[in-house]
Amino acid sequence: MEQTDNEETSELFEHHRFVADKGQSLLRIDKFLFDKLEHVSRTKIQSAAQANCLLVNDNPVKANYKVKPGDTISVVLPHPPHEFELVPENIPIDIIYEDDDLLVVNKQAGMVVHPGHGNYTGTLVHALAYHLKDSGLFSKEEMRPGLVHRIDKNTSGLLVIAKNEFALSHLAKQFYNKTTERKYMALVWGNFNEEEGTIEGNIGRNPKDRVKMFVFPDGEDGKPAITHFRLIESFDYVSLIECKLETGRTHQIRVHMSYIGHPVFNDNWYGGDKILKGTTFSKYRQFIQNCFAAMPRHALHAKTLKFTHPKTGKEMFFESGLPDDMQSVLEKWRNYTCSRTEL
């Protein structure tokens, strides 16, 4: 049946929402969104502006609008996004702590945290929506129910999730003010001359590949990012390190370690899935392939998490042991290093 103009819906659905940081410098909205959105060209963003689909504080703006601190930016389109179709799923999750205000999850490697491009089911959010379907934020089918931080799909480890608005705002403020503490364990390529160090370099979307991140050392693009690392154990060609995040940028540890020439072991996005150090012997190549097979993901684990409880004010500290796949690879490297020493 042909639809007349009067019958066409004028309803718009919010697909993305961002709140500009307090320290946000004046920046064109098309550039601001280009830095935020994966798989979206600047031309497409400018077209959305022409169609009045870019809103700032609920008012349409043009592509040359300068984003200011505290602005609420929305991208609205005439069709609902996939994420609005969130259906709770009974997926097992490892909850290591829970009370009326929050819970702490030990996420398994391979699980996506939040629905997005190409991942519309089977995520941690779907599992949480099922587990918490009768409480707080999750009963409202929010786009980001209770999430104040994330870890990558193939990173294992700890996440805190808020169960109500008060806990969400309180925890989000702690992460914004950098009063939380997170430590990761990573197996990376190469040896270190120093026992500890700090990596500083702005991180933003890679201009040549929008799904990846990139370090902008001159500071003109991206957002400030600081990673502290400490050497835990050396295996000749790879090293086990502990990383402490001062900021929480997307892929921060992975892109920072690659930037200084120590990609995370078996990280196929940032160059760690190739033999970068070691011998040319076929036996060594086979050893590396065995390690990759034992842990078919990047060797990164969110080990500790510390924050202040939003209701009680008590300091909360959680620690997660290394998962089996990472432990297995570390044992392989220990045995390999010992056998080389004995020769």
C-alpha atoms as a PDB file:
ATOM      1  CA  MET A   1       0.000   0.000   0.000  1.00  0.00           C
ATOM      2  CA  GLU A   2       1.398   3.400  -0.957  1.00  0.00           C
ATOM      3  CA  GLN A   3       2.047   5.709   1.966  1.00  0.00           C
ATOM      4  CA  THR A   4       1.166   9.395   1.781  1.00  0.00           C
ATOM      5  CA  ASP A   5       3.329  12.134   3.260  1.00  0.00           C
ATOM      6  CA  ASN A   6       0.858  12.588   6.115  1.00  0.00           C
ATOM      7  CA  GLU A   7       1.121   8.918   7.022  1.00  0.00           C
ATOM      8  CA  GLU A   8       4.928   8.925   7.283  1.00  0.00           C
ATOM      9  CA  THR A   9       6.162   8.754  10.842  1.00  0.00           C
ATOM     10  CA  SER A  10       8.050  11.737  12.207  1.00  0.00           C
ATOM     11  CA  GLU A  11       9.354   9.806  15.230  1.00  0.00           C
ATOM     12  CA  LEU A  12      13.101   9.824  15.668  1.00  0.00           C
ATOM     13  CA  PHE A  13      15.123   7.324  17.696  1.00  0.00           C
ATOM     14  CA  GLU A  14      18.315   8.114  19.528  1.00  0.00           C
ATOM     15  CA  HIS A  15      21.172   5.950  18.240  1.00  0.00           C
ATOM     16  CA  HIS A  16      24.076   7.593  20.067  1.00  0.00           C
ATOM     17  CA  ARG A  17      24.432   9.964  22.997  1.00  0.00           C
ATOM     18  CA  PHE A  18      27.584  11.643  24.291  1.00  0.00           C
ATOM     19  CA  VAL A  19      28.182  14.209  27.011  1.00  0.00           C
ATOM     20  CA  ALA A  20      31.216  16.405  26.350  1.00  0.00           C
ATOM     21  CA  ASP A  21      33.803  16.338  29.143  1.00  0.00           C
ATOM     22  CA  LYS A  22      34.353  19.368  31.368  1.00  0.00           C
ATOM     23  CA  GLY A  23      37.730  19.824  29.706  1.00  0.00           C
ATOM     24  CA  GLN A  24      36.410  19.533  26.142  1.00  0.00           C
ATOM     25  CA  SER A  25      38.009  22.100  23.816  1.00  0.00           C
ATOM     26  CA  LEU A  26      35.890  23.773  21.134  1.00  0.00           C
ATOM     27  CA  LEU A  27      35.630  21.253  18.293  1.00  0.00           C
ATOM     28  CA  ARG A  28      33.367  20.946  15.253  1.00  0.00           C
ATOM     29  CA  ILE A  29      30.635  18.414  15.921  1.00  0.00           C
ATOM     30  CA  ASP A  30      31.391  16.426  12.749  1.00  0.00           C
ATOM     31  CA  LYS A  31      35.008  16.006  13.926  1.00  0.00           C
ATOM     32  CA  PHE A  32      33.840  15.227  17.492  1.00  0.00           C
ATOM     33  CA  LEU A  33      31.529  12.431  16.269  1.00  0.00           C
ATOM     34  CA  PHE A  34      34.066  11.163  13.721  1.00  0.00           C
ATOM     35  CA  ASP A  35      36.422  10.506  16.638  1.00  0.00           C
ATOM     36  CA  LYS A  36      33.695   8.746  18.613  1.00  0.00           C
ATOM     37  CA  LEU A  37      31.910   6.536  16.081  1.00  0.00           C
ATOM     38  CA  GLU A  38      33.256   3.389  14.442  1.00  0.00           C
ATOM     39  CA  HIS A  39      32.377   2.546  10.822  1.00  0.00           C
ATOM     40  CA  VAL A  40      31.022   6.065  10.171  1.00  0.00           C
ATOM     41  CA  SER A  41      32.573   8.512   7.702  1.00  0.00           C
ATOM     42  CA  ARG A  42      32.719  12.264   8.249  1.00  0.00           C
ATOM     43  CA  THR A  43      30.639  12.726   5.084  1.00  0.00           C
ATOM     44  CA  LYS A  44      27.875  10.586   6.560  1.00  0.00           C
ATOM     45  CA  ILE A  45      27.947  12.640   9.759  1.00  0.00           C
ATOM     46  CA  GLN A  46      27.667  15.854   7.737  1.00  0.00           C
ATOM     47  CA  SER A  47      24.690  14.390   5.840  1.00  0.00           C
ATOM     48  CA  ALA A  48      23.031  13.583   9.161  1.00  0.00           C
ATOM     49  CA  ALA A  49      23.491  17.207  10.195  1.00  0.00           C
ATOM     50  CA  GLN A  50      21.839  18.400   6.977  1.00  0.00           C
ATOM     51  CA  ALA A  51      18.882  16.143   7.808  1.00  0.00           C
ATOM     52  CA  ASN A  52      18.589  17.683  11.309  1.00  0.00           C
ATOM     53  CA  CYS A  53      19.658  14.372  12.873  1.00  0.00           C
ATOM     54  CA  LEU A  54      22.405  15.855  15.053  1.00  0.00           C
ATOM     55  CA  LEU A  55      21.094  17.388  18.253  1.00  0.00           C
ATOM     56  CA  VAL A  56      22.943  19.374  20.899  1.00  0.00           C
ATOM     57  CA  ASN A  57      20.983  19.798  24.118  1.00  0.00           C
ATOM     58  CA  ASP A  58      17.919  18.593  22.138  1.00  0.00           C
ATOM     59  CA  ASN A  59      18.271  21.223  19.396  1.00  0.00           C
ATOM     60  CA  PRO A  60      19.358  20.457  15.778  1.00  0.00           C
ATOM     61  CA  VAL A  61      22.753  21.831  14.792  1.00  0.00           C
ATOM     62  CA  LYS A  62      24.820  22.029  11.617  1.00  0.00           C
ATOM     63  CA  ALA A  63      28.076  20.188  10.985  1.00  0.00           C
ATOM     64  CA  ASN A  64      30.179  23.238  11.855  1.00  0.00           C
ATOM     65  CA  TYR A  65      28.690  23.611  15.365  1.00  0.00           C
ATOM     66  CA  LYS A  66      31.482  23.836  17.961  1.00  0.00           C
ATOM     67  CA  VAL A  67      31.003  21.353  20.797  1.00  0.00           C
ATOM     68  CA  LYS A  68      31.441  22.935  24.244  1.00  0.00           C
ATOM     69  CA  PRO A  69      32.088  21.409  27.685  1.00  0.00           C
ATOM     70  CA  GLY A  70      28.953  19.809  29.106  1.00  0.00           C
ATOM     71  CA  ASP A  71      27.064  19.635  25.781  1.00  0.00           C
ATOM     72  CA  THR A  72      24.794  16.617  25.343  1.00  0.00           C
ATOM     73  CA  ILE A  73      25.130  15.375  21.763  1.00  0.00           C
ATOM     74  CA  SER A  74      22.559  12.998  20.267  1.00  0.00           C
ATOM     75  CA  VAL A  75      22.438  11.261  16.906  1.00  0.00           C
ATOM     76  CA  VAL A  76      18.800  10.560  16.015  1.00  0.00           C
ATOM     77  CA  LEU A  77      17.449   8.577  13.069  1.00  0.00           C
ATOM     78  CA  PRO A  78      13.947   7.592  11.896  1.00  0.00           C
ATOM     79  CA  HIS A  79      14.408   3.895  12.735  1.00  0.00           C
ATOM     80  CA  PRO A  80      15.188   2.178  16.044  1.00  0.00           C
ATOM     81  CA  PRO A  81      18.736   0.887  16.533  1.00  0.00           C
ATOM     82  CA  HIS A  82      19.398  -2.792  17.117  1.00  0.00           C
ATOM     83  CA  GLU A  83      20.448  -2.078  20.682  1.00  0.00           C
ATOM     84  CA  PHE A  84      16.896  -1.013  21.571  1.00  0.00           C
ATOM     85  CA  GLU A  85      15.824  -4.590  20.949  1.00  0.00           C
ATOM     86  CA  LEU A  86      17.715  -5.801  24.005  1.00  0.00           C
ATOM     87  CA  VAL A  87      16.272  -9.138  25.093  1.00  0.00           C
ATOM     88  CA  PRO A  88      17.539 -10.582  28.395  1.00  0.00           C
ATOM     89  CA  GLU A  89      19.439 -13.832  27.867  1.00  0.00           C
ATOM     90  CA  ASN A  90      20.125 -16.553  30.427  1.00  0.00           C
ATOM     91  CA  ILE A  91      23.901 -16.621  29.936  1.00  0.00           C
ATOM     92  CA  PRO A  92      26.143 -17.851  32.792  1.00  0.00           C
ATOM     93  CA  ILE A  93      28.363 -15.139  34.271  1.00  0.00           C
ATOM     94  CA  ASP A  94      30.907 -15.297  37.091  1.00  0.00           C
ATOM     95  CA  ILE A  95      29.652 -12.874  39.762  1.00  0.00           C
ATOM     96  CA  ILE A  96      32.236 -12.600  42.541  1.00  0.00           C
ATOM     97  CA  TYR A  97      30.413  -9.955  44.594  1.00  0.00           C
ATOM     98  CA  GLU A  98      26.910  -8.512  44.726  1.00  0.00           C
ATOM     99  CA  ASP A  99      24.853  -6.277  47.013  1.00  0.00           C
ATOM    100  CA  ASP A 100      21.844  -3.953  46.615  1.00  0.00           C
ATOM    101  CA  ASP A 101      23.854  -1.300  44.759  1.00  0.00           C
ATOM    102  CA  LEU A 102      26.405  -3.037  42.573  1.00  0.00           C
ATOM    103  CA  LEU A 103      27.978  -6.259  41.457  1.00  0.00           C
ATOM    104  CA  VAL A 104      31.466  -7.276  40.331  1.00  0.00           C
ATOM    105  CA  VAL A 105      31.852  -9.699  37.438  1.00  0.00           C
ATOM    106  CA  ASN A 106      34.873 -11.731  36.410  1.00  0.00           C
ATOM    107  CA  LYS A 107      34.342 -11.648  32.625  1.00  0.00           C
ATOM    108  CA  GLN A 108      35.536 -14.537  30.514  1.00  0.00           C
ATOM    109  CA  ALA A 109      37.586 -13.896  27.397  1.00  0.00           C
ATOM    110  CA  GLY A 110      35.461 -14.005  24.244  1.00  0.00           C
ATOM    111  CA  MET A 111      32.411 -12.257  25.719  1.00  0.00           C
ATOM    112  CA  VAL A 112      31.530  -8.821  24.340  1.00  0.00           C
ATOM    113  CA  VAL A 113      30.539  -6.392  27.102  1.00  0.00           C
ATOM    114  CA  HIS A 114      28.007  -4.207  25.276  1.00  0.00           C
ATOM    115  CA  PRO A 115      25.849  -4.751  22.173  1.00  0.00           C
ATOM    116  CA  GLY A 116      27.168  -2.979  19.109  1.00  0.00           C
ATOM    117  CA  HIS A 117      28.170  -3.379  15.493  1.00  0.00           C
ATOM    118  CA  GLY A 118      28.011  -7.106  14.700  1.00  0.00           C
ATOM    119  CA  ASN A 119      27.271  -8.115  18.321  1.00  0.00           C
ATOM    120  CA  TYR A 120      23.547  -7.849  18.934  1.00  0.00           C
ATOM    121  CA  THR A 121      23.172 -10.943  21.158  1.00  0.00           C
ATOM    122  CA  GLY A 122      25.196 -12.925  23.658  1.00  0.00           C
ATOM    123  CA  THR A 123      26.859  -9.958  25.368  1.00  0.00           C
ATOM    124  CA  LEU A 124      27.483  -9.313  29.056  1.00  0.00           C
ATOM    125  CA  VAL A 125      24.720  -6.702  28.985  1.00  0.00           C
ATOM    126  CA  HIS A 126      22.236  -9.342  27.768  1.00  0.00           C
ATOM    127  CA  ALA A 127      23.328 -11.625  30.632  1.00  0.00           C
ATOM    128  CA  LEU A 128      23.059  -8.812  33.180  1.00  0.00           C
ATOM    129  CA  ALA A 129      19.641  -7.802  31.858  1.00  0.00           C
ATOM    130  CA  TYR A 130      18.465 -11.336  32.642  1.00  0.00           C
ATOM    131  CA  HIS A 131      20.136 -11.539  36.046  1.00  0.00           C
ATOM    132  CA  LEU A 132      18.855  -8.085  37.106  1.00  0.00           C
ATOM    133  CA  LYS A 133      15.607  -7.922  35.156  1.00  0.00           C
ATOM    134  CA  ASP A 134      13.589  -7.004  38.248  1.00  0.00           C
ATOM    135  CA  SER A 135      15.853  -4.341  39.687  1.00  0.00           C
ATOM    136  CA  GLY A 136      17.052  -0.784  39.180  1.00  0.00           C
ATOM    137  CA  LEU A 137      18.418   0.351  35.851  1.00  0.00           C
ATOM    138  CA  PHE A 138      17.945  -2.952  34.099  1.00  0.00           C
ATOM    139  CA  SER A 139      14.171  -2.932  34.338  1.00  0.00           C
ATOM    140  CA  LYS A 140      14.179   0.213  32.169  1.00  0.00           C
ATOM    141  CA  GLU A 141      16.045  -1.464  29.271  1.00  0.00           C
ATOM    142  CA  GLU A 142      18.650   1.273  29.293  1.00  0.00           C
ATOM    143  CA  MET A 143      21.159   1.396  26.448  1.00  0.00           C
ATOM    144  CA  ARG A 144      24.132   1.027  28.834  1.00  0.00           C
ATOM    145  CA  PRO A 145      22.568  -0.506  31.938  1.00  0.00           C
ATOM    146  CA  GLY A 146      24.856   0.067  34.884  1.00  0.00           C
ATOM    147  CA  LEU A 147      28.088   0.151  32.886  1.00  0.00           C
ATOM    148  CA  VAL A 148      30.711   2.635  34.033  1.00  0.00           C
ATOM    149  CA  HIS A 149      33.688   1.005  32.270  1.00  0.00           C
ATOM    150  CA  ARG A 150      34.383  -1.790  29.808  1.00  0.00           C
ATOM    151  CA  ILE A 151      37.053  -4.277  28.833  1.00  0.00           C
ATOM    152  CA  ASP A 152      37.606  -5.685  25.354  1.00  0.00           C
ATOM    153  CA  LYS A 153      35.953  -8.850  24.075  1.00  0.00           C
ATOM    154  CA  ASN A 154      39.138 -10.921  24.303  1.00  0.00           C
ATOM    155  CA  THR A 155      40.337  -9.379  27.564  1.00  0.00           C
ATOM    156  CA  SER A 156      39.374 -11.321  30.676  1.00  0.00           C
ATOM    157  CA  GLY A 157      38.848  -9.983  34.175  1.00  0.00           C
ATOM    158  CA  LEU A 158      37.015  -7.654  36.517  1.00  0.00           C
ATOM    159  CA  LEU A 159      34.182  -5.208  35.886  1.00  0.00           C
ATOM    160  CA  VAL A 160      31.954  -3.331  38.340  1.00  0.00           C
ATOM    161  CA  ILE A 161      28.308  -2.759  37.364  1.00  0.00           C
ATOM    162  CA  ALA A 162      25.868  -0.379  39.062  1.00  0.00           C
ATOM    163  CA  LYS A 163      22.351  -1.586  39.896  1.00  0.00           C
ATOM    164  CA  ASN A 164      20.671   1.792  40.441  1.00  0.00           C
ATOM    165  CA  GLU A 165      20.973   5.430  39.379  1.00  0.00           C
ATOM    166  CA  PHE A 166      22.708   6.534  42.580  1.00  0.00           C
ATOM    167  CA  ALA A 167      25.413   3.887  42.294  1.00  0.00           C
ATOM    168  CA  LEU A 168      25.815   4.571  38.577  1.00  0.00           C
ATOM    169  CA  SER A 169      26.421   8.303  39.002  1.00  0.00           C
ATOM    170  CA  HIS A 170      28.677   7.790  42.032  1.00  0.00           C
ATOM    171  CA  LEU A 171      30.839   5.149  40.322  1.00  0.00           C
ATOM    172  CA  ALA A 172      30.955   7.089  37.060  1.00  0.00           C
ATOM    173  CA  LYS A 173      32.261  10.115  38.975  1.00  0.00           C
ATOM    174  CA  GLN A 174      35.005   7.988  40.539  1.00  0.00           C
ATOM    175  CA  PHE A 175      36.153   6.764  37.138  1.00  0.00           C
ATOM    176  CA  TYR A 176      36.009  10.303  35.740  1.00  0.00           C
ATOM    177  CA  ASN A 177      38.024  11.690  38.657  1.00  0.00           C
ATOM    178  CA  LYS A 178      40.526   8.794  38.400  1.00  0.00           C
ATOM    179  CA  THR A 179      40.042   7.752  42.030  1.00  0.00           C
ATOM    180  CA  THR A 180      39.541   4.095  41.080  1.00  0.00           C
ATOM    181  CA  GLU A 181      42.514   1.788  40.631  1.00  0.00           C
ATOM    182  CA  ARG A 182      42.780  -0.917  37.968  1.00  0.00           C
ATOM    183  CA  LYS A 183      45.694  -3.235  37.354  1.00  0.00           C
ATOM    184  CA  TYR A 184      46.111  -5.601  34.419  1.00  0.00           C
ATOM    185  CA  MET A 185      48.469  -8.473  33.712  1.00  0.00           C
ATOM    186  CA  ALA A 186      49.837  -8.630  30.163  1.00  0.00           C
ATOM    187  CA  LEU A 187      52.263 -10.888  28.343  1.00  0.00           C
ATOM    188  CA  VAL A 188      54.069  -8.722  25.793  1.00  0.00           C
ATOM    189  CA  TRP A 189      56.794  -9.186  23.223  1.00  0.00           C
ATOM    190  CA  GLY A 190      60.388  -8.259  24.079  1.00  0.00           C
ATOM    191  CA  ASN A 191      62.555  -7.593  27.113  1.00  0.00           C
ATOM    192  CA  PHE A 192      62.708  -4.399  29.183  1.00  0.00           C
ATOM    193  CA  ASN A 193      65.851  -2.602  30.274  1.00  0.00           C
ATOM    194  CA  GLU A 194      63.977  -0.999  33.158  1.00  0.00           C
ATOM    195  CA  GLU A 195      61.907  -2.569  35.929  1.00  0.00           C
ATOM    196  CA  GLU A 196      59.082  -0.054  35.489  1.00  0.00           C
ATOM    197  CA  GLY A 197      58.021   2.822  33.290  1.00  0.00           C
ATOM    198  CA  THR A 198      55.231   5.125  32.128  1.00  0.00           C
ATOM    199  CA  ILE A 199      53.756   5.527  28.655  1.00  0.00           C
ATOM    200  CA  GLU A 200      52.096   8.821  27.718  1.00  0.00           C
ATOM    201  CA  GLY A 201      50.478   9.483  24.367  1.00  0.00           C
ATOM    202  CA  ASN A 202      47.067  10.687  23.242  1.00  0.00           C
ATOM    203  CA  ILE A 203      44.817   7.908  21.932  1.00  0.00           C
ATOM    204  CA  GLY A 204      42.149   8.304  19.256  1.00  0.00           C
ATOM    205  CA  ARG A 205      40.687   6.501  16.262  1.00  0.00           C
ATOM    206  CA  ASN A 206      43.230   5.407  13.679  1.00  0.00           C
ATOM    207  CA  PRO A 207      42.705   7.734  10.673  1.00  0.00           C
ATOM    208  CA  LYS A 208      43.372   4.828   8.285  1.00  0.00           C
ATOM    209  CA  ASP A 209      41.332   2.164  10.098  1.00  0.00           C
ATOM    210  CA  ARG A 210      38.441   3.472  12.173  1.00  0.00           C
ATOM    211  CA  VAL A 211      37.920   0.290  14.220  1.00  0.00           C
ATOM    212  CA  LYS A 212      41.458   0.506  15.612  1.00  0.00           C
ATOM    213  CA  MET A 213      43.023   3.035  17.953  1.00  0.00           C
ATOM    214  CA  PHE A 214      46.156   5.078  17.368  1.00  0.00           C
ATOM    215  CA  VAL A 215      48.686   7.019  19.452  1.00  0.00           C
ATOM    216  CA  PHE A 216      49.065  10.706  18.566  1.00  0.00           C
ATOM    217  CA  PRO A 217      52.324  11.647  20.339  1.00  0.00           C
ATOM    218  CA  ASP A 218      52.104  15.347  19.464  1.00  0.00           C
ATOM    219  CA  GLY A 219      48.863  15.644  21.433  1.00  0.00           C
ATOM    220  CA  GLU A 220      46.925  17.466  18.733  1.00  0.00           C
ATOM    221  CA  ASP A 221      44.428  14.619  18.285  1.00  0.00           C
ATOM    222  CA  GLY A 222      42.928  11.952  20.498  1.00  0.00           C
ATOM    223  CA  LYS A 223      42.577  12.101  24.276  1.00  0.00           C
ATOM    224  CA  PRO A 224      45.340  12.055  26.914  1.00  0.00           C
ATOM    225  CA  ALA A 225      46.250   8.532  28.033  1.00  0.00           C
ATOM    226  CA  ILE A 226      48.722   7.353  30.674  1.00  0.00           C
ATOM    227  CA  THR A 227      49.761   3.751  31.366  1.00  0.00           C
ATOM    228  CA  HIS A 228      52.199   2.730  34.111  1.00  0.00           C
ATOM    229  CA  PHE A 229      53.877  -0.670  33.817  1.00  0.00           C
ATOM    230  CA  ARG A 230      56.058  -2.875  36.025  1.00  0.00           C
ATOM    231  CA  LEU A 231      58.074  -5.915  34.976  1.00  0.00           C
ATOM    232  CA  ILE A 232      56.960  -9.094  36.750  1.00  0.00           C
ATOM    233  CA  GLU A 233      58.801 -11.876  34.912  1.00  0.00           C
ATOM    234  CA  SER A 234      61.086 -12.101  31.874  1.00  0.00           C
ATOM    235  CA  PHE A 235      61.195 -15.025  29.429  1.00  0.00           C
ATOM    236  CA  ASP A 236      63.979 -13.904  27.081  1.00  0.00           C
ATOM    237  CA  TYR A 237      61.724 -13.029  24.161  1.00  0.00           C
ATOM    238  CA  VAL A 238      58.528 -12.052  25.976  1.00  0.00           C
ATOM    239  CA  SER A 239      57.791 -10.427  29.339  1.00  0.00           C
ATOM    240  CA  LEU A 240      54.996 -10.602  31.885  1.00  0.00           C
ATOM    241  CA  ILE A 241      54.127  -7.104  33.068  1.00  0.00           C
ATOM    242  CA  GLU A 242      51.607  -5.438  35.360  1.00  0.00           C
ATOM    243  CA  CYS A 243      49.885  -2.351  33.945  1.00  0.00           C
ATOM    244  CA  LYS A 244      48.178   0.312  36.019  1.00  0.00           C
ATOM    245  CA  LEU A 245      45.783   2.604  34.196  1.00  0.00           C
ATOM    246  CA  GLU A 246      45.686   6.288  35.007  1.00  0.00           C
ATOM    247  CA  THR A 247      43.156   6.848  32.207  1.00  0.00           C
ATOM    248  CA  GLY A 248      40.716   4.450  30.557  1.00  0.00           C
ATOM    249  CA  ARG A 249      40.862   4.863  26.784  1.00  0.00           C
ATOM    250  CA  THR A 250      39.667   2.240  24.326  1.00  0.00           C
ATOM    251  CA  HIS A 251      42.350  -0.445  23.795  1.00  0.00           C
ATOM    252  CA  GLN A 252      44.696   1.679  25.934  1.00  0.00           C
ATOM    253  CA  ILE A 253      47.164  -0.980  27.097  1.00  0.00           C
ATOM    254  CA  ARG A 254      47.172  -2.761  23.733  1.00  0.00           C
ATOM    255  CA  VAL A 255      47.839   0.355  21.669  1.00  0.00           C
ATOM    256  CA  HIS A 256      50.296   1.877  24.149  1.00  0.00           C
ATOM    257  CA  MET A 257      52.385  -1.308  24.356  1.00  0.00           C
ATOM    258  CA  SER A 258      52.425  -1.603  20.571  1.00  0.00           C
ATOM    259  CA  TYR A 259      53.462   2.048  20.346  1.00  0.00           C
ATOM    260  CA  ILE A 260      56.618   1.428  22.420  1.00  0.00           C
ATOM    261  CA  GLY A 261      57.483  -1.736  20.482  1.00  0.00           C
ATOM    262  CA  HIS A 262      56.099  -4.329  22.919  1.00  0.00           C
ATOM    263  CA  PRO A 263      52.773  -5.527  21.441  1.00  0.00           C
ATOM    264  CA  VAL A 264      50.606  -7.763  23.619  1.00  0.00           C
ATOM    265  CA  PHE A 265      51.298 -11.423  22.820  1.00  0.00           C
ATOM    266  CA  ASN A 266      48.882 -12.767  20.164  1.00  0.00           C
ATOM    267  CA  ASP A 267      47.135  -9.403  19.697  1.00  0.00           C
ATOM    268  CA  ASN A 268      45.996  -9.647  16.078  1.00  0.00           C
ATOM    269  CA  TRP A 269      44.915  -5.975  15.941  1.00  0.00           C
ATOM    270  CA  TYR A 270      48.155  -4.375  17.051  1.00  0.00           C
ATOM    271  CA  GLY A 271      50.828  -6.684  15.644  1.00  0.00           C
ATOM    272  CA  GLY A 272      51.296  -9.183  18.461  1.00  0.00           C
ATOM    273  CA  ASP A 273      50.190 -12.269  16.516  1.00  0.00           C
ATOM    274  CA  LYS A 274      53.518 -12.622  14.686  1.00  0.00           C
ATOM    275  CA  ILE A 275      56.932 -13.792  15.877  1.00  0.00           C
ATOM    276  CA  LEU A 276      58.586 -10.509  16.816  1.00  0.00           C
ATOM    277  CA  LYS A 277      61.463 -11.813  18.958  1.00  0.00           C
ATOM    278  CA  GLY A 278      63.404 -15.051  19.084  1.00  0.00           C
ATOM    279  CA  THR A 279      65.246 -17.496  16.841  1.00  0.00           C
ATOM    280  CA  THR A 280      64.695 -18.646  13.264  1.00  0.00           C
ATOM    281  CA  PHE A 281      64.621 -22.335  14.204  1.00  0.00           C
ATOM    282  CA  SER A 282      61.547 -24.251  13.080  1.00  0.00           C
ATOM    283  CA  LYS A 283      61.238 -25.753  16.588  1.00  0.00           C
ATOM    284  CA  TYR A 284      60.836 -22.229  18.017  1.00  0.00           C
ATOM    285  CA  ARG A 285      58.253 -21.313  15.376  1.00  0.00           C
ATOM    286  CA  GLN A 286      56.284 -24.420  16.326  1.00  0.00           C
ATOM    287  CA  PHE A 287      56.555 -23.479  20.011  1.00  0.00           C
ATOM    288  CA  ILE A 288      55.038 -20.056  19.295  1.00  0.00           C
ATOM    289  CA  GLN A 289      52.239 -21.596  17.252  1.00  0.00           C
ATOM    290  CA  ASN A 290      51.498 -23.943  20.159  1.00  0.00           C
ATOM    291  CA  CYS A 291      51.307 -20.932  22.481  1.00  0.00           C
ATOM    292  CA  PHE A 292      48.935 -19.125  20.111  1.00  0.00           C
ATOM    293  CA  ALA A 293      46.768 -22.261  19.898  1.00  0.00           C
ATOM    294  CA  ALA A 294      46.674 -22.623  23.697  1.00  0.00           C
ATOM    295  CA  MET A 295      45.517 -19.003  24.037  1.00  0.00           C
ATOM    296  CA  PRO A 296      43.780 -17.910  20.822  1.00  0.00           C
ATOM    297  CA  ARG A 297      43.354 -14.309  22.014  1.00  0.00           C
ATOM    298  CA  HIS A 298      45.532 -11.481  23.264  1.00  0.00           C
ATOM    299  CA  ALA A 299      47.251 -12.097  26.611  1.00  0.00           C
ATOM    300  CA  LEU A 300      45.600  -9.413  28.742  1.00  0.00           C
ATOM    301  CA  HIS A 301      43.721  -9.843  32.021  1.00  0.00           C
ATOM    302  CA  ALA A 302      42.050  -7.230  34.265  1.00  0.00           C
ATOM    303  CA  LYS A 303      43.424  -8.561  37.549  1.00  0.00           C
ATOM    304  CA  THR A 304      42.518  -6.046  40.264  1.00  0.00           C
ATOM    305  CA  LEU A 305      39.868  -3.410  40.811  1.00  0.00           C
ATOM    306  CA  LYS A 306      39.618  -0.900  43.654  1.00  0.00           C
ATOM    307  CA  PHE A 307      36.890   1.711  44.222  1.00  0.00           C
ATOM    308  CA  THR A 308      34.811   3.303  46.963  1.00  0.00           C
ATOM    309  CA  HIS A 309      31.390   1.823  47.642  1.00  0.00           C
ATOM    310  CA  PRO A 310      28.791   4.447  46.601  1.00  0.00           C
ATOM    311  CA  LYS A 311      26.516   3.806  49.593  1.00  0.00           C
ATOM    312  CA  THR A 312      28.799   2.831  52.481  1.00  0.00           C
ATOM    313  CA  GLY A 313      31.937   4.798  51.532  1.00  0.00           C
ATOM    314  CA  LYS A 314      33.992   1.660  52.224  1.00  0.00           C
ATOM    315  CA  GLU A 315      37.025   0.911  50.058  1.00  0.00           C
ATOM    316  CA  MET A 316      36.306  -2.158  47.916  1.00  0.00           C
ATOM    317  CA  PHE A 317      39.127  -4.286  46.505  1.00  0.00           C
ATOM    318  CA  PHE A 318      38.822  -7.315  44.240  1.00  0.00           C
ATOM    319  CA  GLU A 319      41.390  -9.587  42.637  1.00  0.00           C
ATOM    320  CA  SER A 320      41.011 -12.203  39.918  1.00  0.00           C
ATOM    321  CA  GLY A 321      43.525 -14.963  39.278  1.00  0.00           C
ATOM    322  CA  LEU A 322      44.910 -15.456  35.791  1.00  0.00           C
ATOM    323  CA  PRO A 323      42.606 -17.585  33.607  1.00  0.00           C
ATOM    324  CA  ASP A 324      43.663 -21.091  32.577  1.00  0.00           C
ATOM    325  CA  ASP A 325      44.662 -20.193  29.011  1.00  0.00           C
ATOM    326  CA  MET A 326      47.026 -17.450  30.150  1.00  0.00           C
ATOM    327  CA  GLN A 327      48.445 -19.633  32.924  1.00  0.00           C
ATOM    328  CA  SER A 328      49.068 -22.391  30.368  1.00  0.00           C
ATOM    329  CA  VAL A 329      51.042 -20.088  28.074  1.00  0.00           C
ATOM    330  CA  LEU A 330      53.108 -18.718  30.966  1.00  0.00           C
ATOM    331  CA  GLU A 331      54.015 -22.274  31.979  1.00  0.00           C
ATOM    332  CA  LYS A 332      55.056 -23.022  28.394  1.00  0.00           C
ATOM    333  CA  TRP A 333      57.358 -20.002  28.437  1.00  0.00           C
ATOM    334  CA  ARG A 334      58.806 -20.921  31.843  1.00  0.00           C
ATOM    335  CA  ASN A 335      59.582 -24.430  30.605  1.00  0.00           C
ATOM    336  CA  TYR A 336      61.034 -23.108  27.352  1.00  0.00           C
ATOM    337  CA  THR A 337      63.264 -20.621  29.167  1.00  0.00           C
ATOM    338  CA  CYS A 338      64.495 -23.295  31.587  1.00  0.00           C
ATOM    339  CA  SER A 339      65.276 -25.749  28.787  1.00  0.00           C
ATOM    340  CA  ARG A 340      67.313 -23.082  26.946  1.00  0.00           C
ATOM    341  CA  THR A 341      69.236 -22.253  30.142  1.00  0.00           C
ATOM    342  CA  GLU A 342      70.083 -25.906  30.708  1.00  0.00           C
ATOM    343  CA  LEU A 343      71.546 -26.359  27.210  1.00  0.00           C
END
